[in-house]
């Protein structure tokens, strides 16, 4: 399992995360910011546990994020 975390308030809406990992990320039509699918929000940090099959795509999203608000770690 992996844990993916997103600081949504700081998102600038560049869309890289959704392009690289559409199984975990979507862009909100409401405000144009990234949404981490099926995540729980705790003090501004949205987190979700995901299958290890998504690890590589999640890491690519994390590296592509220009403001570094996505973190990925193995659990």
C-alpha atoms as a PDB file:
ATOM      1  CA  UNK A   1       0.000   0.000   0.000  1.00  0.00           C
ATOM      2  CA  UNK A   2       0.970   3.612  -0.525  1.00  0.00           C
ATOM      3  CA  UNK A   3      -0.245   6.847   1.025  1.00  0.00           C
ATOM      4  CA  UNK A   4      -0.714   9.902  -1.181  1.00  0.00           C
ATOM      5  CA  UNK A   5      -1.166  13.336   0.394  1.00  0.00           C
ATOM      6  CA  UNK A   6      -2.226  16.603  -1.250  1.00  0.00           C
ATOM      7  CA  UNK A   7      -2.222  20.157   0.171  1.00  0.00           C
ATOM      8  CA  UNK A   8      -5.205  21.317  -1.854  1.00  0.00           C
ATOM      9  CA  UNK A   9      -5.285  24.957  -0.666  1.00  0.00           C
ATOM     10  CA  UNK A  10      -1.896  25.596  -2.271  1.00  0.00           C
ATOM     11  CA  UNK A  11      -2.843  24.050  -5.633  1.00  0.00           C
ATOM     12  CA  UNK A  12      -2.422  26.330  -8.669  1.00  0.00           C
ATOM     13  CA  UNK A  13      -4.418  24.091 -11.029  1.00  0.00           C
ATOM     14  CA  UNK A  14      -1.626  23.136 -13.445  1.00  0.00           C
ATOM     15  CA  UNK A  15      -3.309  19.757 -14.170  1.00  0.00           C
ATOM     16  CA  UNK A  16      -0.077  17.689 -14.219  1.00  0.00           C
ATOM     17  CA  UNK A  17      -1.274  15.372 -11.455  1.00  0.00           C
ATOM     18  CA  UNK A  18      -4.452  14.424 -13.303  1.00  0.00           C
ATOM     19  CA  UNK A  19      -2.591  13.898 -16.569  1.00  0.00           C
ATOM     20  CA  UNK A  20      -0.018  11.602 -14.956  1.00  0.00           C
ATOM     21  CA  UNK A  21      -2.263   9.762 -12.480  1.00  0.00           C
ATOM     22  CA  UNK A  22      -5.950  10.002 -13.434  1.00  0.00           C
ATOM     23  CA  UNK A  23      -6.829   7.123 -11.083  1.00  0.00           C
ATOM     24  CA  UNK A  24      -6.022   9.344  -8.082  1.00  0.00           C
ATOM     25  CA  UNK A  25      -6.515  12.957  -9.193  1.00  0.00           C
ATOM     26  CA  UNK A  26      -9.242  15.064 -10.817  1.00  0.00           C
ATOM     27  CA  UNK A  27      -9.498  18.785 -11.369  1.00  0.00           C
ATOM     28  CA  UNK A  28     -12.431  20.484  -9.685  1.00  0.00           C
ATOM     29  CA  UNK A  29     -14.856  22.205 -12.030  1.00  0.00           C
ATOM     30  CA  UNK A  30     -15.772  24.486  -9.149  1.00  0.00           C
ATOM     31  CA  UNK A  31     -12.384  26.107  -8.452  1.00  0.00           C
ATOM     32  CA  UNK A  32      -9.930  24.497 -10.899  1.00  0.00           C
ATOM     33  CA  UNK A  33      -7.815  22.894  -8.182  1.00  0.00           C
ATOM     34  CA  UNK A  34      -6.761  19.262  -7.869  1.00  0.00           C
ATOM     35  CA  UNK A  35      -8.914  16.814  -5.930  1.00  0.00           C
ATOM     36  CA  UNK A  36      -7.463  13.610  -4.482  1.00  0.00           C
ATOM     37  CA  UNK A  37     -10.136  10.996  -5.100  1.00  0.00           C
ATOM     38  CA  UNK A  38     -11.617   9.136  -2.100  1.00  0.00           C
ATOM     39  CA  UNK A  39      -9.379  11.083   0.286  1.00  0.00           C
ATOM     40  CA  UNK A  40      -9.993  12.174   3.832  1.00  0.00           C
ATOM     41  CA  UNK A  41      -9.159  15.762   4.728  1.00  0.00           C
ATOM     42  CA  UNK A  42      -7.355  16.584   7.956  1.00  0.00           C
ATOM     43  CA  UNK A  43      -6.245  20.162   8.623  1.00  0.00           C
ATOM     44  CA  UNK A  44      -5.793  21.004   4.946  1.00  0.00           C
ATOM     45  CA  UNK A  45      -4.078  17.763   3.987  1.00  0.00           C
ATOM     46  CA  UNK A  46      -6.089  15.302   1.887  1.00  0.00           C
ATOM     47  CA  UNK A  47      -4.765  11.733   2.185  1.00  0.00           C
ATOM     48  CA  UNK A  48      -5.685   8.403   0.662  1.00  0.00           C
ATOM     49  CA  UNK A  49      -4.257   4.900   0.755  1.00  0.00           C
ATOM     50  CA  UNK A  50      -3.881   3.336  -2.668  1.00  0.00           C
ATOM     51  CA  UNK A  51      -2.715   0.175  -4.326  1.00  0.00           C
ATOM     52  CA  UNK A  52       1.014  -0.174  -5.034  1.00  0.00           C
ATOM     53  CA  UNK A  53       0.192  -0.439  -8.741  1.00  0.00           C
ATOM     54  CA  UNK A  54      -0.353   3.331  -8.675  1.00  0.00           C
ATOM     55  CA  UNK A  55       2.992   4.049  -6.987  1.00  0.00           C
ATOM     56  CA  UNK A  56       4.947   4.952 -10.126  1.00  0.00           C
ATOM     57  CA  UNK A  57       2.225   7.245 -11.511  1.00  0.00           C
ATOM     58  CA  UNK A  58       1.755   8.905  -8.106  1.00  0.00           C
ATOM     59  CA  UNK A  59       5.505   9.551  -7.796  1.00  0.00           C
ATOM     60  CA  UNK A  60       5.555  11.052 -11.294  1.00  0.00           C
ATOM     61  CA  UNK A  61       2.696  13.363 -10.277  1.00  0.00           C
ATOM     62  CA  UNK A  62       4.571  14.372  -7.159  1.00  0.00           C
ATOM     63  CA  UNK A  63       7.728  15.182  -9.105  1.00  0.00           C
ATOM     64  CA  UNK A  64       5.826  17.078 -11.812  1.00  0.00           C
ATOM     65  CA  UNK A  65       3.977  19.324  -9.347  1.00  0.00           C
ATOM     66  CA  UNK A  66       5.591  22.781  -9.691  1.00  0.00           C
ATOM     67  CA  UNK A  67       4.790  23.762  -6.100  1.00  0.00           C
ATOM     68  CA  UNK A  68       5.527  20.370  -4.471  1.00  0.00           C
ATOM     69  CA  UNK A  69       2.226  19.833  -2.661  1.00  0.00           C
ATOM     70  CA  UNK A  70       1.939  16.107  -3.365  1.00  0.00           C
ATOM     71  CA  UNK A  71       3.735  13.507  -1.277  1.00  0.00           C
ATOM     72  CA  UNK A  72       3.853   9.744  -1.805  1.00  0.00           C
ATOM     73  CA  UNK A  73       5.127   7.168   0.641  1.00  0.00           C
ATOM     74  CA  UNK A  74       4.990   3.427   0.977  1.00  0.00           C
ATOM     75  CA  UNK A  75       3.168   2.076   4.010  1.00  0.00           C
END
